[in-house]
PDB file of N, CA and C in Angstrom:
ATOM      1  N   MET A   1     -16.803  15.020  29.686  1.00  0.00           N
ATOM      2  CA  MET A   1     -17.111  14.402  28.403  1.00  0.00           C
ATOM      3  C   MET A   1     -16.787  12.905  28.490  1.00  0.00           C
ATOM      4  N   ASP A   2     -17.698  12.078  27.979  1.00  0.00           N
ATOM      5  CA  ASP A   2     -17.510  10.632  28.004  1.00  0.00           C
ATOM      6  C   ASP A   2     -16.413  10.209  27.052  1.00  0.00           C
ATOM      7  N   LYS A   3     -15.608   9.265  27.533  1.00  0.00           N
ATOM      8  CA  LYS A   3     -14.539   8.723  26.703  1.00  0.00           C
ATOM      9  C   LYS A   3     -14.973   7.382  26.138  1.00  0.00           C
ATOM     10  N   ARG A   4     -14.435   7.055  24.972  1.00  0.00           N
ATOM     11  CA  ARG A   4     -14.707   5.770  24.331  1.00  0.00           C
ATOM     12  C   ARG A   4     -13.393   5.109  23.961  1.00  0.00           C
ATOM     13  N   VAL A   5     -13.428   3.800  23.856  1.00  0.00           N
ATOM     14  CA  VAL A   5     -12.271   3.051  23.381  1.00  0.00           C
ATOM     15  C   VAL A   5     -12.449   2.844  21.887  1.00  0.00           C
ATOM     16  N   ALA A   6     -11.386   3.099  21.153  1.00  0.00           N
ATOM     17  CA  ALA A   6     -11.444   2.956  19.700  1.00  0.00           C
ATOM     18  C   ALA A   6     -10.118   2.429  19.181  1.00  0.00           C
ATOM     19  N   SER A   7     -10.190   1.803  18.028  1.00  0.00           N
ATOM     20  CA  SER A   7      -9.007   1.327  17.321  1.00  0.00           C
ATOM     21  C   SER A   7      -8.964   2.021  15.963  1.00  0.00           C
ATOM     22  N   ILE A   8      -7.863   2.705  15.704  1.00  0.00           N
ATOM     23  CA  ILE A   8      -7.673   3.344  14.400  1.00  0.00           C
ATOM     24  C   ILE A   8      -6.692   2.493  13.604  1.00  0.00           C
ATOM     25  N   SER A   9      -7.136   1.993  12.476  1.00  0.00           N
ATOM     26  CA  SER A   9      -6.275   1.228  11.571  1.00  0.00           C
ATOM     27  C   SER A   9      -5.805   2.163  10.470  1.00  0.00           C
ATOM     28  N   ILE A  10      -4.500   2.226  10.303  1.00  0.00           N
ATOM     29  CA  ILE A  10      -3.891   3.152   9.350  1.00  0.00           C
ATOM     30  C   ILE A  10      -3.064   2.345   8.356  1.00  0.00           C
ATOM     31  N   ILE A  11      -3.298   2.565   7.072  1.00  0.00           N
ATOM     32  CA  ILE A  11      -2.465   1.959   6.032  1.00  0.00           C
ATOM     33  C   ILE A  11      -1.694   3.083   5.362  1.00  0.00           C
ATOM     34  N   VAL A  12      -0.380   2.933   5.357  1.00  0.00           N
ATOM     35  CA  VAL A  12       0.508   3.963   4.815  1.00  0.00           C
ATOM     36  C   VAL A  12       1.122   3.443   3.521  1.00  0.00           C
ATOM     37  N   GLU A  13       0.761   4.082   2.404  1.00  0.00           N
ATOM     38  CA  GLU A  13       1.291   3.688   1.100  1.00  0.00           C
ATOM     39  C   GLU A  13       2.396   4.628   0.635  1.00  0.00           C
ATOM     40  N   ASP A  14       2.561   5.754   1.325  1.00  0.00           N
ATOM     41  CA  ASP A  14       3.605   6.726   1.000  1.00  0.00           C
ATOM     42  C   ASP A  14       4.412   6.988   2.265  1.00  0.00           C
ATOM     43  N   SER A  15       5.591   6.384   2.350  1.00  0.00           N
ATOM     44  CA  SER A  15       6.396   6.469   3.572  1.00  0.00           C
ATOM     45  C   SER A  15       6.867   7.886   3.887  1.00  0.00           C
ATOM     46  N   SER A  16       6.771   8.793   2.945  1.00  0.00           N
ATOM     47  CA  SER A  16       7.168  10.180   3.234  1.00  0.00           C
ATOM     48  C   SER A  16       6.194  10.842   4.211  1.00  0.00           C
ATOM     49  N   CYS A  17       5.061  10.205   4.472  1.00  0.00           N
ATOM     50  CA  CYS A  17       4.067  10.725   5.426  1.00  0.00           C
ATOM     51  C   CYS A  17       4.365  10.323   6.863  1.00  0.00           C
ATOM     52  N   ALA A  18       5.366   9.502   7.089  1.00  0.00           N
ATOM     53  CA  ALA A  18       5.633   8.954   8.425  1.00  0.00           C
ATOM     54  C   ALA A  18       5.815  10.036   9.478  1.00  0.00           C
ATOM     55  N   ALA A  19       6.577  11.061   9.173  1.00  0.00           N
ATOM     56  CA  ALA A  19       6.823  12.121  10.151  1.00  0.00           C
ATOM     57  C   ALA A  19       5.522  12.834  10.512  1.00  0.00           C
ATOM     58  N   ARG A  20       4.695  13.121   9.531  1.00  0.00           N
ATOM     59  CA  ARG A  20       3.426  13.812   9.782  1.00  0.00           C
ATOM     60  C   ARG A  20       2.478  12.934  10.602  1.00  0.00           C
ATOM     61  N   ILE A  21       2.459  11.631  10.320  1.00  0.00           N
ATOM     62  CA  ILE A  21       1.635  10.701  11.099  1.00  0.00           C
ATOM     63  C   ILE A  21       2.082  10.718  12.558  1.00  0.00           C
ATOM     64  N   ASN A  22       3.379  10.625  12.781  1.00  0.00           N
ATOM     65  CA  ASN A  22       3.894  10.633  14.150  1.00  0.00           C
ATOM     66  C   ASN A  22       3.590  11.947  14.860  1.00  0.00           C
ATOM     67  N   GLU A  23       3.664  13.060  14.154  1.00  0.00           N
ATOM     68  CA  GLU A  23       3.317  14.361  14.744  1.00  0.00           C
ATOM     69  C   GLU A  23       1.856  14.379  15.182  1.00  0.00           C
ATOM     70  N   LEU A  24       0.968  13.917  14.311  1.00  0.00           N
ATOM     71  CA  LEU A  24      -0.455  13.888  14.641  1.00  0.00           C
ATOM     72  C   LEU A  24      -0.729  12.994  15.851  1.00  0.00           C
ATOM     73  N   LEU A  25      -0.126  11.825  15.866  1.00  0.00           N
ATOM     74  CA  LEU A  25      -0.340  10.919  16.988  1.00  0.00           C
ATOM     75  C   LEU A  25       0.241  11.482  18.283  1.00  0.00           C
ATOM     76  N   HIS A  26       1.335  12.204  18.177  1.00  0.00           N
ATOM     77  CA  HIS A  26       1.940  12.809  19.365  1.00  0.00           C
ATOM     78  C   HIS A  26       0.992  13.824  20.011  1.00  0.00           C
ATOM     79  N   THR A  27       0.197  14.514  19.196  1.00  0.00           N
ATOM     80  CA  THR A  27      -0.717  15.523  19.749  1.00  0.00           C
ATOM     81  C   THR A  27      -1.808  14.898  20.610  1.00  0.00           C
ATOM     82  N   VAL A  28      -2.070  13.610  20.456  1.00  0.00           N
ATOM     83  CA  VAL A  28      -3.085  12.918  21.257  1.00  0.00           C
ATOM     84  C   VAL A  28      -2.469  11.786  22.077  1.00  0.00           C
ATOM     85  N   SER A  29      -1.187  11.871  22.330  1.00  0.00           N
ATOM     86  CA  SER A  29      -0.473  10.779  23.004  1.00  0.00           C
ATOM     87  C   SER A  29      -1.032  10.462  24.388  1.00  0.00           C
ATOM     88  N   GLN A  30      -1.617  11.452  25.057  1.00  0.00           N
ATOM     89  CA  GLN A  30      -2.165  11.200  26.395  1.00  0.00           C
ATOM     90  C   GLN A  30      -3.368  10.263  26.354  1.00  0.00           C
ATOM     91  N   TYR A  31      -3.966  10.077  25.186  1.00  0.00           N
ATOM     92  CA  TYR A  31      -5.124   9.198  25.027  1.00  0.00           C
ATOM     93  C   TYR A  31      -4.771   7.833  24.438  1.00  0.00           C
ATOM     94  N   ILE A  32      -3.541   7.657  24.006  1.00  0.00           N
ATOM     95  CA  ILE A  32      -3.157   6.410  23.333  1.00  0.00           C
ATOM     96  C   ILE A  32      -2.857   5.323  24.365  1.00  0.00           C
ATOM     97  N   VAL A  33      -3.568   4.205  24.234  1.00  0.00           N
ATOM     98  CA  VAL A  33      -3.380   3.053  25.106  1.00  0.00           C
ATOM     99  C   VAL A  33      -2.229   2.192  24.579  1.00  0.00           C
ATOM    100  N   GLY A  34      -2.166   2.035  23.261  1.00  0.00           N
ATOM    101  CA  GLY A  34      -1.128   1.221  22.644  1.00  0.00           C
ATOM    102  C   GLY A  34      -1.072   1.465  21.147  1.00  0.00           C
ATOM    103  N   ARG A  35       0.062   1.081  20.599  1.00  0.00           N
ATOM    104  CA  ARG A  35       0.285   1.296  19.169  1.00  0.00           C
ATOM    105  C   ARG A  35       1.144   0.155  18.637  1.00  0.00           C
ATOM    106  N   MET A  36       0.787  -0.338  17.450  1.00  0.00           N
ATOM    107  CA  MET A  36       1.568  -1.400  16.823  1.00  0.00           C
ATOM    108  C   MET A  36       1.754  -1.058  15.354  1.00  0.00           C
ATOM    109  N   GLY A  37       2.974  -1.140  14.887  1.00  0.00           N
ATOM    110  CA  GLY A  37       3.266  -0.884  13.485  1.00  0.00           C
ATOM    111  C   GLY A  37       3.878  -2.104  12.831  1.00  0.00           C
ATOM    112  N   ILE A  38       3.423  -2.390  11.627  1.00  0.00           N
ATOM    113  CA  ILE A  38       3.925  -3.547  10.889  1.00  0.00           C
ATOM    114  C   ILE A  38       4.372  -3.097   9.505  1.00  0.00           C
ATOM    115  N   PRO A  39       5.675  -3.174   9.223  1.00  0.00           N
ATOM    116  CA  PRO A  39       6.122  -2.869   7.860  1.00  0.00           C
ATOM    117  C   PRO A  39       5.880  -4.099   6.974  1.00  0.00           C
ATOM    118  N   TYR A  40       5.154  -3.908   5.902  1.00  0.00           N
ATOM    119  CA  TYR A  40       4.882  -5.003   4.968  1.00  0.00           C
ATOM    120  C   TYR A  40       5.746  -4.737   3.742  1.00  0.00           C
ATOM    121  N   ARG A  41       6.997  -5.135   3.832  1.00  0.00           N
ATOM    122  CA  ARG A  41       7.998  -4.802   2.813  1.00  0.00           C
ATOM    123  C   ARG A  41       7.661  -5.366   1.439  1.00  0.00           C
ATOM    124  N   GLU A  42       7.056  -6.531   1.410  1.00  0.00           N
ATOM    125  CA  GLU A  42       6.705  -7.161   0.141  1.00  0.00           C
ATOM    126  C   GLU A  42       5.761  -6.291  -0.684  1.00  0.00           C
ATOM    127  N   LYS A  43       4.876  -5.564  -0.014  1.00  0.00           N
ATOM    128  CA  LYS A  43       3.904  -4.697  -0.683  1.00  0.00           C
ATOM    129  C   LYS A  43       4.311  -3.224  -0.622  1.00  0.00           C
ATOM    130  N   ASN A  44       5.428  -2.937   0.062  1.00  0.00           N
ATOM    131  CA  ASN A  44       5.930  -1.565   0.218  1.00  0.00           C
ATOM    132  C   ASN A  44       4.902  -0.651   0.895  1.00  0.00           C
ATOM    133  N   ILE A  45       4.234  -1.187   1.928  1.00  0.00           N
ATOM    134  CA  ILE A  45       3.296  -0.407   2.729  1.00  0.00           C
ATOM    135  C   ILE A  45       3.574  -0.666   4.210  1.00  0.00           C
ATOM    136  N   SER A  46       2.982   0.139   5.057  1.00  0.00           N
ATOM    137  CA  SER A  46       3.033  -0.084   6.502  1.00  0.00           C
ATOM    138  C   SER A  46       1.614  -0.050   7.042  1.00  0.00           C
ATOM    139  N   ILE A  47       1.388  -0.867   8.057  1.00  0.00           N
ATOM    140  CA  ILE A  47       0.099  -0.904   8.723  1.00  0.00           C
ATOM    141  C   ILE A  47       0.328  -0.526  10.175  1.00  0.00           C
ATOM    142  N   ILE A  48      -0.444   0.439  10.649  1.00  0.00           N
ATOM    143  CA  ILE A  48      -0.329   0.896  12.032  1.00  0.00           C
ATOM    144  C   ILE A  48      -1.703   0.762  12.675  1.00  0.00           C
ATOM    145  N   ASN A  49      -1.735   0.222  13.883  1.00  0.00           N
ATOM    146  CA  ASN A  49      -2.975   0.160  14.645  1.00  0.00           C
ATOM    147  C   ASN A  49      -2.767   0.932  15.940  1.00  0.00           C
ATOM    148  N   VAL A  50      -3.665   1.868  16.219  1.00  0.00           N
ATOM    149  CA  VAL A  50      -3.573   2.702  17.419  1.00  0.00           C
ATOM    150  C   VAL A  50      -4.845   2.511  18.227  1.00  0.00           C
ATOM    151  N   VAL A  51      -4.702   2.143  19.493  1.00  0.00           N
ATOM    152  CA  VAL A  51      -5.846   2.003  20.388  1.00  0.00           C
ATOM    153  C   VAL A  51      -5.889   3.238  21.275  1.00  0.00           C
ATOM    154  N   MET A  52      -7.071   3.871  21.318  1.00  0.00           N
ATOM    155  CA  MET A  52      -7.239   5.094  22.091  1.00  0.00           C
ATOM    156  C   MET A  52      -8.400   4.959  23.076  1.00  0.00           C
ATOM    157  N   ASP A  53      -8.288   5.671  24.187  1.00  0.00           N
ATOM    158  CA  ASP A  53      -9.367   5.834  25.152  1.00  0.00           C
ATOM    159  C   ASP A  53      -9.526   7.337  25.302  1.00  0.00           C
ATOM    160  N   ALA A  54     -10.487   7.906  24.568  1.00  0.00           N
ATOM    161  CA  ALA A  54     -10.568   9.358  24.440  1.00  0.00           C
ATOM    162  C   ALA A  54     -11.995   9.795  24.148  1.00  0.00           C
ATOM    163  N   PRO A  55     -12.271  11.087  24.287  1.00  0.00           N
ATOM    164  CA  PRO A  55     -13.567  11.595  23.832  1.00  0.00           C
ATOM    165  C   PRO A  55     -13.727  11.342  22.328  1.00  0.00           C
ATOM    166  N   GLN A  56     -14.945  11.070  21.922  1.00  0.00           N
ATOM    167  CA  GLN A  56     -15.190  10.716  20.526  1.00  0.00           C
ATOM    168  C   GLN A  56     -14.734  11.803  19.559  1.00  0.00           C
ATOM    169  N   ASP A  57     -14.883  13.074  19.926  1.00  0.00           N
ATOM    170  CA  ASP A  57     -14.466  14.133  19.009  1.00  0.00           C
ATOM    171  C   ASP A  57     -12.955  14.160  18.825  1.00  0.00           C
ATOM    172  N   VAL A  58     -12.199  13.767  19.839  1.00  0.00           N
ATOM    173  CA  VAL A  58     -10.734  13.688  19.709  1.00  0.00           C
ATOM    174  C   VAL A  58     -10.367  12.561  18.747  1.00  0.00           C
ATOM    175  N   ILE A  59     -11.012  11.416  18.919  1.00  0.00           N
ATOM    176  CA  ILE A  59     -10.748  10.263  18.045  1.00  0.00           C
ATOM    177  C   ILE A  59     -11.114  10.602  16.604  1.00  0.00           C
ATOM    178  N   ASN A  60     -12.295  11.178  16.421  1.00  0.00           N
ATOM    179  CA  ASN A  60     -12.733  11.550  15.069  1.00  0.00           C
ATOM    180  C   ASN A  60     -11.773  12.552  14.441  1.00  0.00           C
ATOM    181  N   GLY A  61     -11.310  13.504  15.235  1.00  0.00           N
ATOM    182  CA  GLY A  61     -10.416  14.527  14.713  1.00  0.00           C
ATOM    183  C   GLY A  61      -9.102  13.965  14.216  1.00  0.00           C
ATOM    184  N   VAL A  62      -8.471  13.119  15.027  1.00  0.00           N
ATOM    185  CA  VAL A  62      -7.180  12.571  14.606  1.00  0.00           C
ATOM    186  C   VAL A  62      -7.352  11.601  13.444  1.00  0.00           C
ATOM    187  N   SER A  63      -8.418  10.811  13.460  1.00  0.00           N
ATOM    188  CA  SER A  63      -8.658   9.885  12.352  1.00  0.00           C
ATOM    189  C   SER A  63      -8.909  10.652  11.057  1.00  0.00           C
ATOM    190  N   GLY A  64      -9.677  11.709  11.130  1.00  0.00           N
ATOM    191  CA  GLY A  64      -9.952  12.527   9.948  1.00  0.00           C
ATOM    192  C   GLY A  64      -8.710  13.190   9.396  1.00  0.00           C
ATOM    193  N   ARG A  65      -7.869  13.723  10.292  1.00  0.00           N
ATOM    194  CA  ARG A  65      -6.625  14.364   9.832  1.00  0.00           C
ATOM    195  C   ARG A  65      -5.678  13.349   9.210  1.00  0.00           C
ATOM    196  N   LEU A  66      -5.630  12.147   9.785  1.00  0.00           N
ATOM    197  CA  LEU A  66      -4.786  11.102   9.205  1.00  0.00           C
ATOM    198  C   LEU A  66      -5.280  10.726   7.809  1.00  0.00           C
ATOM    199  N   GLY A  67      -6.590  10.563   7.672  1.00  0.00           N
ATOM    200  CA  GLY A  67      -7.167  10.162   6.396  1.00  0.00           C
ATOM    201  C   GLY A  67      -7.006  11.189   5.291  1.00  0.00           C
ATOM    202  N   LYS A  68      -6.768  12.440   5.659  1.00  0.00           N
ATOM    203  CA  LYS A  68      -6.580  13.488   4.653  1.00  0.00           C
ATOM    204  C   LYS A  68      -5.162  13.527   4.092  1.00  0.00           C
ATOM    205  N   LEU A  69      -4.243  12.808   4.717  1.00  0.00           N
ATOM    206  CA  LEU A  69      -2.871  12.782   4.204  1.00  0.00           C
ATOM    207  C   LEU A  69      -2.812  11.947   2.929  1.00  0.00           C
ATOM    208  N   ASN A  70      -2.099  12.440   1.934  1.00  0.00           N
ATOM    209  CA  ASN A  70      -1.934  11.680   0.690  1.00  0.00           C
ATOM    210  C   ASN A  70      -1.172  10.394   0.971  1.00  0.00           C
ATOM    211  N   GLY A  71      -1.664   9.305   0.453  1.00  0.00           N
ATOM    212  CA  GLY A  71      -0.993   8.022   0.630  1.00  0.00           C
ATOM    213  C   GLY A  71      -1.318   7.346   1.949  1.00  0.00           C
ATOM    214  N   VAL A  72      -2.323   7.862   2.674  1.00  0.00           N
ATOM    215  CA  VAL A  72      -2.702   7.296   3.971  1.00  0.00           C
ATOM    216  C   VAL A  72      -4.209   7.030   3.982  1.00  0.00           C
ATOM    217  N   THR A  73      -4.581   5.850   4.481  1.00  0.00           N
ATOM    218  CA  THR A  73      -5.982   5.513   4.693  1.00  0.00           C
ATOM    219  C   THR A  73      -6.162   5.204   6.171  1.00  0.00           C
ATOM    220  N   ALA A  74      -7.198   5.774   6.801  1.00  0.00           N
ATOM    221  CA  ALA A  74      -7.460   5.533   8.215  1.00  0.00           C
ATOM    222  C   ALA A  74      -8.927   5.199   8.430  1.00  0.00           C
ATOM    223  N   LYS A  75      -9.183   4.151   9.179  1.00  0.00           N
ATOM    224  CA  LYS A  75     -10.545   3.749   9.522  1.00  0.00           C
ATOM    225  C   LYS A  75     -10.599   3.492  11.030  1.00  0.00           C
ATOM    226  N   THR A  76     -11.730   3.854  11.633  1.00  0.00           N
ATOM    227  CA  THR A  76     -11.874   3.750  13.075  1.00  0.00           C
ATOM    228  C   THR A  76     -13.011   2.811  13.449  1.00  0.00           C
ATOM    229  N   THR A  77     -12.756   2.001  14.473  1.00  0.00           N
ATOM    230  CA  THR A  77     -13.761   1.115  15.032  1.00  0.00           C
ATOM    231  C   THR A  77     -13.902   1.455  16.519  1.00  0.00           C
ATOM    232  N   TYR A  78     -15.145   1.597  16.974  1.00  0.00           N
ATOM    233  CA  TYR A  78     -15.418   1.977  18.358  1.00  0.00           C
ATOM    234  C   TYR A  78     -15.959   0.796  19.165  1.00  0.00           C
ATOM    235  N   SER A  79     -15.651   0.812  20.469  1.00  0.00           N
ATOM    236  CA  SER A  79     -16.284  -0.148  21.368  1.00  0.00           C
ATOM    237  C   SER A  79     -17.739   0.267  21.560  1.00  0.00           C
ATOM    238  N   LYS A  80     -18.557  -0.644  22.012  1.00  0.00           N
ATOM    239  CA  LYS A  80     -19.968  -0.321  22.211  1.00  0.00           C
ATOM    240  C   LYS A  80     -20.200   0.470  23.490  1.00  0.00           C
ATOM    241  N   ARG A  81     -19.236   0.472  24.436  1.00  0.00           N
ATOM    242  CA  ARG A  81     -19.390   1.244  25.655  1.00  0.00           C
ATOM    243  C   ARG A  81     -18.239   2.182  25.848  1.00  0.00           C
TER     244      ARG A  81
END
């Protein structure tokens, strides 16, 4: 199966979801190239960016599961190749 590079941008408005987010990301850790988290204390939110090199269905699956969490928004951008 062809792999693609993608960036998942996650905005966390409910910090009680942190453990569940980390669990989900751990399930695909073998595909994660890098991860950066930024706590934006002034707005009481966190922004996480995860770069993956994985089959598209794996990326779609984790992004979809993240987006279904209450207080979490996830959007994915794919490379063209």
